[in-house]
Amino acid sequence: MSDPLLKLEGLTKAYPGVIANSDVGFEIGQGEIHALLGENGAGKSTLVKMIYGLVKPDAGRMTFRGQAYAPPEPRAARASGVAMVFQHFSLFDALNVAENVALGMENPPPMRQLARRIREISTQYGLPLDPARLVADLSAGERQRVEIVRCLLQDPKLLIMDEPTSVLTPQEVEILFRTLRQLAAEGTAILYISHKLEEIRSLCDRATILRGGKVVGDAIPREKSARELAEMMVGAELKVTDREGRTLGDVVLEVQGLSLPPQSQFGVSLKDVALRLRAGEVLGIGGVAGNGQEELLATLAGERPSAAGSVVLAGRDVSGLGPNERRAYGLLTAPEERLGHAAVPAMSLTENTLLTGTIRRPLAKGGMVDMAAARAFAEEIITAFDVRTPGPHVAARALSGGNLQKFVVGREVLQEPVVLVVNQPTWGVDALAAASIRQALLDVAAKGGAVIVISQDLDELMEVSDHFAALNAGSLSPPRPTKGLSIEEIGLMLGGAHGMGDAAPDRVAEADA
């Protein structure tokens, strides 16, 4: 590249006990959409924080627009022409769009003038926004528009985007991609971080791959398959998910009219949720974040009593039972929040087996905990699910996200569930761990168990699910066979178009077909 917009040379950053980035160098050209790929712990976050002025490098240098570049804080980065849209939105629900935009500006203009500029910019880039709307009333896609428009008002030369599509429907993703391509055509460079490799292949011009804090390669994404990119990231061959050889049996879970009031002013209520699940079946439930996923798992688990409706497990009405009673009958769950819900951070892995394992495993005798049995169970999980840890004595918080997730899922799988409900089973884990977890869920189904996978990763749901349903504003669409389901249909379902034509009224008949 003869005249790069941003050039990194030898960037290094170390923290006590770990080198986050080591001698990182690459270039981004004007108008280029450049992907930054790497698994958890690869050093992506530290690197972009150095570019944005949140972290100071220990060594190396940066050049931006031909000048030495070393922003001491984000304000200096923004003044130089670098903007960033973070994965987690920094918006206030009780304020309107214009007020939220003003909070992110150094010297905001008068509110009326700012509102006019928001309308102009949002319309120009195909991201229409009403400056007067409360953020609490916006969808996830509209909230992201607020963050992007706030950046565009600063006329950036480089826009950093961290996992921008994790909470978007397919239609919203396409709108975002049109906007990014328009920005690139106008000369704005984009540094794009995502674990969705098909999106990378579709959108990005070049990719830099990080592993262990170092640059291990680069690629033109469209010339590589998603599998090839993933294997470059992890440095190993990925296991192919096997979903063959399953037959569906009798209905093991039937939910009718399940309703739940919201816990807070901005919470989500469940509305007349209904589903039927058969032995050997994997039901994928998709939805943009905040549409009732946590509420659905909590209600199925018995953690939150439903206001109405019934849950029948293997012919037994468990609607009035709590988590332990439902677990005893075979309804097991793995929630989204690993630390604090699925596991206690300060407790050892051995102790964490006791949180759910005492009901279906012989980990207690006469009301007394059998620590030897708990330790043996923890070791069994560690071995069966390749959990990378020195041993069962290690505290849960000491594990990486991927290894803790493998432990949490393994703890439930090895208890031989009749029905297993998991929420975001591979959220934030690396490609190898994700492949292992998906295969474990399919193994449950192959042995005659039934699985509900709640996930925002549509590729994941299409890979493992027999049927797909969408959760929107607490309402669940009628499940449909995954095979033959188009991305357009999925997007409509995620957006709330639940009454779609010939959506399956009788899934049992479809499954037998």
Protein backbone atom coordinates (compact mmCIF):
# COMPACT_ATOMS: atom_id res chain seq x y z
CA MET A 1 0.00 0.00 0.00
CA SER A 2 1.72 3.19 -1.21
CA ASP A 3 -0.05 5.77 0.94
CA PRO A 4 -1.85 4.19 3.93
CA LEU A 5 -4.31 6.14 6.06
CA LEU A 6 -3.23 4.32 9.23
CA LYS A 7 0.05 2.49 9.70
CA LEU A 8 0.91 0.45 12.79
CA GLU A 9 4.50 -0.61 13.46
CA GLY A 10 5.66 -2.88 16.28
CA LEU A 11 2.78 -2.08 18.65
CA THR A 12 3.31 -3.90 21.93
CA LYS A 13 1.27 -3.84 25.14
CA ALA A 14 1.84 -6.01 28.21
CA TYR A 15 -0.10 -6.42 31.42
CA PRO A 16 1.04 -8.34 34.52
CA GLY A 17 1.33 -11.96 33.46
CA VAL A 18 0.19 -11.49 29.86
CA ILE A 19 1.35 -9.86 26.64
CA ALA A 20 -1.79 -8.54 24.99
CA ASN A 21 -0.08 -7.35 21.79
CA SER A 22 3.39 -8.20 20.56
CA ASP A 23 5.04 -6.37 17.63
CA VAL A 24 1.75 -5.81 15.80
CA GLY A 25 1.95 -4.06 12.47
CA PHE A 26 -0.36 -3.57 9.48
CA GLU A 27 -1.80 -0.82 7.30
CA ILE A 28 -5.28 0.44 6.42
CA GLY A 29 -5.88 2.41 3.25
CA GLN A 30 -8.27 5.28 2.64
CA GLY A 31 -11.72 3.94 1.76
CA GLU A 32 -10.77 0.39 2.76
CA ILE A 33 -12.97 -1.91 4.85
CA HIS A 34 -10.39 -3.85 6.83
CA ALA A 35 -11.30 -6.82 9.04
CA LEU A 36 -9.49 -7.55 12.29
CA LEU A 37 -9.91 -11.25 13.07
CA GLY A 38 -8.94 -13.27 16.11
CA GLU A 39 -10.39 -15.37 18.86
CA ASN A 40 -10.94 -14.29 22.46
CA GLY A 41 -7.64 -13.22 23.96
CA ALA A 42 -6.06 -12.69 20.55
CA GLY A 43 -5.47 -9.01 21.32
CA LYS A 44 -8.12 -7.29 19.17
CA SER A 45 -9.64 -5.21 21.96
CA THR A 46 -6.31 -3.96 23.27
CA LEU A 47 -5.19 -3.06 19.76
CA VAL A 48 -8.25 -0.94 18.90
CA LYS A 49 -8.09 0.70 22.34
CA MET A 50 -4.56 1.83 21.50
CA ILE A 51 -5.75 3.24 18.17
CA TYR A 52 -8.65 5.02 19.91
CA GLY A 53 -6.54 6.43 22.76
CA LEU A 54 -7.95 4.33 25.58
CA VAL A 55 -4.68 2.46 26.11
CA LYS A 56 -1.09 3.65 25.70
CA PRO A 57 1.26 1.20 23.91
CA ASP A 58 4.48 0.12 25.64
CA ALA A 59 6.37 0.12 22.34
CA GLY A 60 5.86 0.75 18.65
CA ARG A 61 4.41 3.66 16.76
CA MET A 62 1.38 4.68 14.73
CA THR A 63 1.12 6.99 11.73
CA PHE A 64 -2.24 8.50 10.75
CA ARG A 65 -2.75 10.57 7.61
CA GLY A 66 1.02 10.79 7.21
CA GLN A 67 1.64 12.20 10.69
CA ALA A 68 2.88 10.60 13.91
CA TYR A 69 -0.18 9.51 15.89
CA ALA A 70 -0.27 8.79 19.64
CA PRO A 71 -3.64 9.88 21.10
CA PRO A 72 -3.46 10.22 24.91
CA GLU A 73 -7.26 9.89 25.19
CA PRO A 74 -10.32 9.25 22.97
CA ARG A 75 -10.98 13.00 22.70
CA ALA A 76 -7.65 13.40 20.89
CA ALA A 77 -8.42 10.42 18.64
CA ARG A 78 -11.77 11.91 17.67
CA ALA A 79 -10.13 15.27 16.99
CA SER A 80 -7.70 13.51 14.64
CA GLY A 81 -10.54 11.85 12.74
CA VAL A 82 -10.87 8.44 14.44
CA ALA A 83 -14.31 7.35 15.68
CA MET A 84 -15.45 4.11 17.28
CA VAL A 85 -18.78 2.32 17.65
CA PHE A 86 -18.55 -0.05 20.59
CA GLN A 87 -20.26 -3.43 20.83
CA HIS A 88 -22.22 -2.35 23.91
CA PHE A 89 -24.19 0.84 23.39
CA SER A 90 -23.55 3.82 25.69
CA LEU A 91 -27.01 5.37 25.57
CA PHE A 92 -29.45 6.63 28.21
CA ASP A 93 -32.93 5.15 27.86
CA ALA A 94 -34.65 8.12 29.50
CA LEU A 95 -33.16 10.65 27.02
CA ASN A 96 -34.16 11.21 23.41
CA VAL A 97 -31.95 10.63 20.37
CA ALA A 98 -30.70 14.22 20.06
CA GLU A 99 -29.85 14.44 23.77
CA ASN A 100 -27.87 11.19 23.59
CA VAL A 101 -25.98 12.40 20.53
CA ALA A 102 -25.17 15.70 22.25
CA LEU A 103 -23.67 13.87 25.24
CA GLY A 104 -21.11 12.24 22.94
CA MET A 105 -19.96 15.49 21.32
CA GLU A 106 -17.24 17.84 22.56
CA ASN A 107 -19.07 21.03 21.57
CA PRO A 108 -22.64 20.21 20.58
CA PRO A 109 -24.56 22.85 18.64
CA PRO A 110 -27.95 24.18 19.85
CA MET A 111 -30.48 21.35 20.12
CA ARG A 112 -32.65 22.52 17.23
CA GLN A 113 -29.64 22.74 14.91
CA LEU A 114 -28.37 19.35 16.12
CA ALA A 115 -31.77 17.75 15.47
CA ARG A 116 -31.67 19.07 11.91
CA ARG A 117 -28.16 17.68 11.38
CA ILE A 118 -29.20 14.29 12.76
CA ARG A 119 -32.07 14.13 10.26
CA GLU A 120 -29.77 15.16 7.40
CA ILE A 121 -26.96 12.73 8.18
CA SER A 122 -29.23 9.82 9.05
CA THR A 123 -31.18 10.27 5.82
CA GLN A 124 -28.03 10.73 3.73
CA TYR A 125 -26.62 7.39 4.91
CA GLY A 126 -29.85 5.39 4.92
CA LEU A 127 -30.17 5.29 8.72
CA PRO A 128 -33.33 7.33 9.35
CA LEU A 129 -33.74 8.59 12.91
CA ASP A 130 -36.26 10.80 14.69
CA PRO A 131 -34.22 13.08 17.00
CA ALA A 132 -37.17 13.45 19.38
CA ARG A 133 -37.75 9.74 20.05
CA LEU A 134 -36.85 8.30 23.44
CA VAL A 135 -34.02 5.78 23.25
CA ALA A 136 -36.07 3.41 25.43
CA ASP A 137 -38.54 3.11 22.55
CA LEU A 138 -35.91 2.23 19.92
CA SER A 139 -35.06 -1.22 18.61
CA ALA A 140 -31.50 -2.52 18.89
CA GLY A 141 -30.89 -1.61 15.26
CA GLU A 142 -32.15 1.93 15.79
CA ARG A 143 -29.97 2.31 18.88
CA GLN A 144 -26.96 1.36 16.83
CA ARG A 145 -27.96 4.01 14.29
CA VAL A 146 -27.74 6.60 17.08
CA GLU A 147 -24.16 5.51 17.84
CA ILE A 148 -23.18 5.56 14.15
CA VAL A 149 -24.80 8.93 13.43
CA ARG A 150 -23.07 10.39 16.50
CA CYS A 151 -19.76 9.28 14.95
CA LEU A 152 -20.65 10.52 11.45
CA LEU A 153 -21.41 14.00 12.76
CA GLN A 154 -17.70 14.20 13.57
CA ASP A 155 -16.73 13.50 9.92
CA PRO A 156 -14.36 10.59 10.74
CA LYS A 157 -11.59 9.42 8.42
CA LEU A 158 -11.38 6.07 10.22
CA LEU A 159 -14.40 4.34 11.78
CA ILE A 160 -13.78 1.39 14.12
CA MET A 161 -16.70 -1.01 14.54
CA ASP A 162 -16.67 -3.73 17.22
CA GLU A 163 -19.12 -6.61 16.60
CA PRO A 164 -21.65 -4.26 14.99
CA THR A 165 -24.15 -6.91 13.86
CA SER A 166 -24.45 -8.97 17.06
CA VAL A 167 -27.88 -7.49 17.88
CA LEU A 168 -29.25 -6.89 14.38
CA THR A 169 -31.77 -8.70 12.21
CA PRO A 170 -30.62 -9.75 8.70
CA GLN A 171 -32.49 -6.80 7.18
CA GLU A 172 -30.79 -4.39 9.59
CA VAL A 173 -27.43 -5.96 8.74
CA GLU A 174 -28.03 -5.29 5.05
CA ILE A 175 -28.91 -1.65 5.79
CA LEU A 176 -25.74 -1.30 7.86
CA PHE A 177 -23.61 -2.83 5.12
CA ARG A 178 -25.03 -0.43 2.53
CA THR A 179 -24.10 2.45 4.82
CA LEU A 180 -20.56 1.16 5.38
CA ARG A 181 -20.02 0.62 1.67
CA GLN A 182 -21.24 4.17 1.01
CA LEU A 183 -18.83 5.55 3.63
CA ALA A 184 -15.96 3.57 2.11
CA ALA A 185 -16.82 4.84 -1.37
CA GLU A 186 -16.58 8.38 0.02
CA GLY A 187 -13.09 7.68 1.39
CA THR A 188 -13.75 6.73 5.01
CA ALA A 189 -11.70 3.74 6.15
CA ILE A 190 -13.40 1.16 8.36
CA LEU A 191 -11.73 -1.22 10.80
CA TYR A 192 -14.27 -3.99 11.28
CA ILE A 193 -14.23 -6.56 14.10
CA SER A 194 -16.63 -9.50 13.93
CA HIS A 195 -16.74 -13.24 14.60
CA LYS A 196 -19.31 -13.68 11.79
CA LEU A 197 -17.01 -14.83 9.05
CA GLU A 198 -19.55 -14.91 6.24
CA GLU A 199 -20.16 -11.22 6.89
CA ILE A 200 -16.42 -10.61 6.74
CA ARG A 201 -16.26 -12.40 3.39
CA SER A 202 -19.15 -10.33 2.04
CA LEU A 203 -18.08 -6.91 3.30
CA CYS A 204 -14.35 -6.60 3.84
CA ASP A 205 -11.54 -5.87 1.37
CA ARG A 206 -8.70 -7.26 3.48
CA ALA A 207 -8.24 -8.99 6.81
CA THR A 208 -5.48 -9.08 9.40
CA ILE A 209 -5.49 -12.16 11.64
CA LEU A 210 -4.28 -12.02 15.25
CA ARG A 211 -3.46 -15.01 17.43
CA GLY A 212 -1.91 -14.79 20.86
CA GLY A 213 -1.37 -11.05 20.48
CA LYS A 214 0.63 -11.39 17.26
CA VAL A 215 -0.18 -10.96 13.59
CA VAL A 216 -0.17 -14.48 12.13
CA GLY A 217 -1.39 -13.70 8.65
CA ASP A 218 -3.52 -11.62 6.34
CA ALA A 219 -6.03 -12.51 3.67
CA ILE A 220 -8.48 -11.25 1.10
CA PRO A 221 -11.66 -12.59 2.75
CA ARG A 222 -13.65 -13.22 -0.41
CA GLU A 223 -10.88 -15.53 -1.62
CA LYS A 224 -11.14 -17.71 1.52
CA SER A 225 -13.94 -19.84 2.89
CA ALA A 226 -15.29 -19.11 6.36
CA ARG A 227 -13.77 -22.38 7.52
CA GLU A 228 -10.33 -21.39 6.18
CA LEU A 229 -10.52 -18.03 7.95
CA ALA A 230 -11.54 -19.72 11.21
CA GLU A 231 -8.66 -22.19 11.00
CA MET A 232 -6.22 -19.30 10.38
CA MET A 233 -7.56 -17.66 13.53
CA VAL A 234 -7.22 -20.71 15.79
CA GLY A 235 -4.24 -22.37 14.12
CA ALA A 236 -5.92 -25.76 14.01
CA GLU A 237 -8.36 -27.80 11.95
CA LEU A 238 -11.97 -27.40 13.01
CA LYS A 239 -14.20 -30.35 13.74
CA VAL A 240 -17.20 -30.63 11.44
CA THR A 241 -20.51 -30.58 13.30
CA ASP A 242 -22.35 -33.87 12.77
CA ARG A 243 -26.14 -33.79 12.89
CA GLU A 244 -26.85 -37.01 11.04
CA GLY A 245 -28.50 -40.16 12.33
CA ARG A 246 -31.19 -38.61 14.52
CA THR A 247 -34.82 -39.67 14.60
CA LEU A 248 -37.49 -37.75 16.47
CA GLY A 249 -39.51 -39.47 19.14
CA ASP A 250 -42.47 -38.54 21.32
CA VAL A 251 -43.25 -35.04 22.56
CA VAL A 252 -41.20 -34.45 25.73
CA LEU A 253 -41.94 -30.76 26.32
CA GLU A 254 -45.21 -28.96 25.66
CA VAL A 255 -45.64 -25.30 26.58
CA GLN A 256 -48.99 -23.55 26.23
CA GLY A 257 -49.96 -19.93 26.85
CA LEU A 258 -46.84 -19.09 28.86
CA SER A 259 -46.94 -15.47 30.03
CA LEU A 260 -44.71 -13.43 32.32
CA PRO A 261 -44.93 -9.77 33.37
CA PRO A 262 -41.86 -7.54 32.99
CA GLN A 263 -39.58 -7.16 36.00
CA SER A 264 -38.89 -3.47 35.38
CA GLN A 265 -40.17 -0.45 33.46
CA PHE A 266 -38.01 -1.28 30.47
CA GLY A 267 -38.25 -5.05 30.88
CA VAL A 268 -39.82 -7.53 28.47
CA SER A 269 -42.95 -9.57 29.13
CA LEU A 270 -43.57 -13.03 27.69
CA LYS A 271 -46.84 -13.22 25.80
CA ASP A 272 -48.70 -16.48 25.24
CA VAL A 273 -45.60 -18.52 24.36
CA ALA A 274 -46.33 -21.97 22.96
CA LEU A 275 -44.05 -24.74 21.68
CA ARG A 276 -43.79 -28.51 21.38
CA LEU A 277 -40.48 -30.34 21.51
CA ARG A 278 -39.84 -33.97 20.66
CA ALA A 279 -37.16 -36.39 21.81
CA GLY A 280 -34.12 -36.07 19.56
CA GLU A 281 -35.10 -32.61 18.34
CA VAL A 282 -33.12 -29.37 18.42
CA LEU A 283 -35.27 -26.24 18.37
CA GLY A 284 -33.42 -23.03 17.59
CA ILE A 285 -34.88 -19.80 18.93
CA GLY A 286 -33.47 -16.62 17.42
CA GLY A 287 -34.03 -13.03 18.37
CA VAL A 288 -32.38 -9.67 18.71
CA ALA A 289 -31.06 -9.12 22.25
CA GLY A 290 -33.63 -7.95 24.76
CA ASN A 291 -36.70 -9.61 23.26
CA GLY A 292 -37.34 -12.03 26.12
CA GLN A 293 -34.56 -14.60 25.82
CA GLU A 294 -33.51 -14.45 29.48
CA GLU A 295 -37.13 -14.39 30.59
CA LEU A 296 -37.97 -17.48 28.53
CA LEU A 297 -35.10 -19.52 29.97
CA ALA A 298 -35.86 -18.37 33.54
CA THR A 299 -39.52 -19.33 33.17
CA LEU A 300 -38.79 -22.74 31.62
CA ALA A 301 -36.24 -23.38 34.38
CA GLY A 302 -38.76 -22.48 37.08
CA GLU A 303 -36.63 -19.59 38.35
CA ARG A 304 -39.46 -17.17 37.62
CA PRO A 305 -43.04 -18.46 38.05
CA SER A 306 -45.18 -17.74 35.02
CA ALA A 307 -48.31 -15.63 35.38
CA ALA A 308 -50.26 -17.95 33.10
CA GLY A 309 -49.81 -21.02 30.97
CA SER A 310 -48.50 -24.53 31.44
CA VAL A 311 -45.24 -26.46 31.08
CA VAL A 312 -45.60 -30.21 30.62
CA LEU A 313 -42.41 -32.29 30.76
CA ALA A 314 -42.61 -35.89 29.53
CA GLY A 315 -46.32 -35.98 30.34
CA ARG A 316 -45.94 -34.39 33.79
CA ASP A 317 -47.25 -30.89 34.52
CA VAL A 318 -44.32 -29.06 36.13
CA SER A 319 -45.83 -25.55 35.88
CA GLY A 320 -45.92 -25.06 39.66
CA LEU A 321 -42.52 -26.58 40.38
CA GLY A 322 -39.26 -24.78 41.12
CA PRO A 323 -35.84 -25.28 39.47
CA ASN A 324 -34.73 -28.24 41.59
CA GLU A 325 -37.97 -30.18 41.07
CA ARG A 326 -37.89 -29.54 37.31
CA ARG A 327 -34.23 -30.55 37.22
CA ALA A 328 -35.07 -33.81 39.02
CA TYR A 329 -37.50 -34.65 36.23
CA GLY A 330 -34.90 -33.84 33.56
CA LEU A 331 -35.39 -30.17 32.58
CA LEU A 332 -31.89 -28.67 32.70
CA THR A 333 -30.72 -25.21 31.69
CA ALA A 334 -27.53 -23.26 30.98
CA PRO A 335 -28.11 -19.48 31.17
CA GLU A 336 -26.37 -16.78 29.13
CA GLU A 337 -24.53 -15.19 32.07
CA ARG A 338 -21.64 -17.54 32.84
CA LEU A 339 -20.23 -15.79 35.88
CA GLY A 340 -22.81 -14.97 38.49
CA HIS A 341 -25.65 -17.12 37.17
CA ALA A 342 -24.28 -20.36 35.74
CA ALA A 343 -21.20 -20.30 37.97
CA VAL A 344 -20.01 -18.54 41.13
CA PRO A 345 -16.76 -16.71 40.27
CA ALA A 346 -14.93 -17.27 43.57
CA MET A 347 -15.90 -20.93 43.92
CA SER A 348 -13.75 -23.74 42.55
CA LEU A 349 -14.91 -25.87 39.64
CA THR A 350 -15.50 -28.69 42.12
CA GLU A 351 -17.76 -26.47 44.20
CA ASN A 352 -19.54 -25.21 41.08
CA THR A 353 -20.62 -28.74 40.20
CA LEU A 354 -22.72 -28.69 43.38
CA LEU A 355 -24.84 -25.77 42.13
CA THR A 356 -26.81 -28.03 39.80
CA GLY A 357 -25.30 -31.50 40.09
CA THR A 358 -26.63 -32.70 43.44
CA ILE A 359 -30.11 -33.33 42.02
CA ARG A 360 -29.19 -35.84 39.30
CA ARG A 361 -25.70 -36.98 40.37
CA PRO A 362 -24.69 -38.72 43.65
CA LEU A 363 -22.79 -35.73 45.01
CA ALA A 364 -24.37 -35.81 48.47
CA LYS A 365 -25.06 -38.51 51.03
CA GLY A 366 -27.54 -38.17 53.88
CA GLY A 367 -27.72 -34.43 53.38
CA MET A 368 -23.93 -34.03 53.47
CA VAL A 369 -21.88 -32.97 50.46
CA ASP A 370 -19.54 -35.65 49.12
CA MET A 371 -16.57 -33.53 48.03
CA ALA A 372 -14.72 -36.52 46.58
CA ALA A 373 -17.68 -37.27 44.31
CA ALA A 374 -17.98 -33.59 43.36
CA ARG A 375 -14.27 -33.46 42.53
CA ALA A 376 -14.60 -36.61 40.42
CA PHE A 377 -17.55 -35.07 38.56
CA ALA A 378 -15.57 -31.89 37.90
CA GLU A 379 -12.66 -33.97 36.57
CA GLU A 380 -15.08 -35.89 34.36
CA ILE A 381 -16.37 -32.62 32.87
CA ILE A 382 -12.84 -31.27 32.38
CA THR A 383 -11.77 -34.41 30.53
CA ALA A 384 -14.89 -34.94 28.43
CA PHE A 385 -15.12 -31.30 27.30
CA ASP A 386 -11.40 -30.48 27.05
CA VAL A 387 -11.63 -27.68 29.61
CA ARG A 388 -8.19 -26.05 29.72
CA THR A 389 -7.45 -25.61 33.42
CA PRO A 390 -4.81 -26.82 35.92
CA GLY A 391 -7.47 -28.79 37.75
CA PRO A 392 -10.87 -28.82 39.50
CA HIS A 393 -9.48 -26.75 42.40
CA VAL A 394 -9.23 -23.64 40.17
CA ALA A 395 -11.77 -20.84 40.71
CA ALA A 396 -14.35 -20.35 37.96
CA ARG A 397 -13.27 -16.73 37.41
CA ALA A 398 -9.74 -17.91 36.50
CA LEU A 399 -10.98 -19.69 33.35
CA SER A 400 -11.26 -18.05 29.96
CA GLY A 401 -14.78 -17.44 28.71
CA GLY A 402 -14.63 -20.35 26.30
CA ASN A 403 -13.33 -22.83 28.85
CA LEU A 404 -15.86 -21.79 31.49
CA GLN A 405 -18.65 -22.12 28.93
CA LYS A 406 -17.48 -25.64 28.04
CA PHE A 407 -17.50 -26.48 31.75
CA VAL A 408 -21.01 -25.07 32.29
CA VAL A 409 -22.48 -26.83 29.26
CA GLY A 410 -20.62 -30.04 30.10
CA ARG A 411 -21.96 -29.99 33.65
CA GLU A 412 -25.52 -30.08 32.30
CA VAL A 413 -24.91 -32.47 29.37
CA LEU A 414 -23.32 -35.11 31.60
CA GLN A 415 -26.44 -35.14 33.77
CA GLU A 416 -28.33 -36.71 30.84
CA PRO A 417 -31.14 -34.19 30.44
CA VAL A 418 -34.54 -35.07 29.07
CA VAL A 419 -34.74 -31.44 27.88
CA LEU A 420 -31.78 -29.07 27.82
CA VAL A 421 -32.34 -25.32 27.35
CA VAL A 422 -29.25 -23.19 26.61
CA ASN A 423 -29.05 -19.44 26.07
CA GLN A 424 -26.16 -18.08 23.96
CA PRO A 425 -24.15 -21.34 24.26
CA THR A 426 -21.17 -20.06 22.24
CA TRP A 427 -21.35 -16.32 22.96
CA GLY A 428 -17.81 -14.93 23.05
CA VAL A 429 -16.04 -18.29 22.77
CA ASP A 430 -13.44 -19.21 20.17
CA ALA A 431 -14.14 -21.28 17.06
CA LEU A 432 -12.74 -24.52 18.48
CA ALA A 433 -14.75 -24.23 21.71
CA ALA A 434 -17.86 -23.26 19.75
CA ALA A 435 -17.57 -26.33 17.51
CA SER A 436 -17.13 -28.52 20.60
CA ILE A 437 -20.18 -27.07 22.34
CA ARG A 438 -22.41 -27.36 19.26
CA GLN A 439 -21.41 -30.97 18.82
CA ALA A 440 -22.16 -31.66 22.49
CA LEU A 441 -25.69 -30.28 22.03
CA LEU A 442 -26.21 -32.47 18.97
CA ASP A 443 -24.91 -35.45 20.93
CA VAL A 444 -27.64 -34.85 23.53
CA ALA A 445 -30.23 -35.00 20.76
CA ALA A 446 -28.61 -38.07 19.19
CA LYS A 447 -29.02 -39.89 22.50
CA GLY A 448 -32.73 -39.07 22.62
CA GLY A 449 -32.69 -35.84 24.60
CA ALA A 450 -34.35 -32.67 23.32
CA VAL A 451 -32.56 -29.33 23.09
CA ILE A 452 -33.67 -25.70 22.89
CA VAL A 453 -30.88 -23.40 21.68
CA ILE A 454 -31.56 -19.70 22.24
CA SER A 455 -29.02 -17.69 20.28
CA GLN A 456 -28.44 -14.45 18.39
CA ASP A 457 -26.07 -16.29 16.04
CA LEU A 458 -28.23 -17.27 13.07
CA ASP A 459 -25.45 -19.30 11.46
CA GLU A 460 -25.24 -21.34 14.64
CA LEU A 461 -28.99 -21.93 14.74
CA MET A 462 -29.09 -22.98 11.09
CA GLU A 463 -26.22 -25.38 11.71
CA VAL A 464 -27.68 -27.27 14.67
CA SER A 465 -31.47 -26.84 14.57
CA ASP A 466 -34.22 -29.00 13.13
CA HIS A 467 -36.78 -26.24 13.59
CA PHE A 468 -36.49 -22.48 14.02
CA ALA A 469 -38.66 -19.99 15.88
CA ALA A 470 -38.19 -16.27 16.46
CA LEU A 471 -38.68 -14.36 19.69
CA ASN A 472 -39.83 -10.77 19.23
CA ALA A 473 -41.03 -8.50 22.05
CA GLY A 474 -41.78 -11.57 24.18
CA SER A 475 -43.82 -13.38 21.52
CA LEU A 476 -42.63 -16.63 19.95
CA SER A 477 -43.36 -17.37 16.31
CA PRO A 478 -44.67 -20.77 15.23
CA PRO A 479 -41.57 -22.96 14.73
CA ARG A 480 -40.70 -23.83 11.13
CA PRO A 481 -38.40 -26.48 9.64
CA THR A 482 -34.89 -25.06 9.34
CA LYS A 483 -34.25 -26.79 6.04
CA GLY A 484 -35.22 -24.48 3.19
CA LEU A 485 -35.77 -21.44 5.41
CA SER A 486 -34.39 -18.34 3.65
CA ILE A 487 -32.52 -15.51 5.34
CA GLU A 488 -35.30 -13.14 4.24
CA GLU A 489 -37.93 -15.27 5.97
CA ILE A 490 -35.79 -15.46 9.10
CA GLY A 491 -35.38 -11.68 9.11
CA LEU A 492 -39.12 -11.15 8.85
CA MET A 493 -39.71 -13.58 11.71
CA LEU A 494 -37.12 -11.81 13.87
CA GLY A 495 -38.81 -8.51 13.09
CA GLY A 496 -42.15 -9.76 14.39
CA ALA A 497 -43.86 -11.05 11.22
CA HIS A 498 -45.02 -14.20 12.99
CA GLY A 499 -48.08 -14.96 10.94
CA MET A 500 -46.14 -15.80 7.80
CA GLY A 501 -48.17 -17.61 5.20
CA ASP A 502 -47.96 -21.33 5.69
CA ALA A 503 -45.96 -21.24 8.94
CA ALA A 504 -46.14 -24.74 10.30
CA PRO A 505 -49.39 -25.33 12.21
CA ASP A 506 -48.49 -28.94 12.92
CA ARG A 507 -44.81 -29.46 13.48
CA VAL A 508 -45.22 -33.11 14.37
CA ALA A 509 -46.53 -33.84 10.91
CA GLU A 510 -43.74 -31.80 9.34
CA ALA A 511 -41.09 -33.54 11.36
CA ASP A 512 -42.40 -36.93 10.25
CA ALA A 513 -42.46 -35.85 6.63
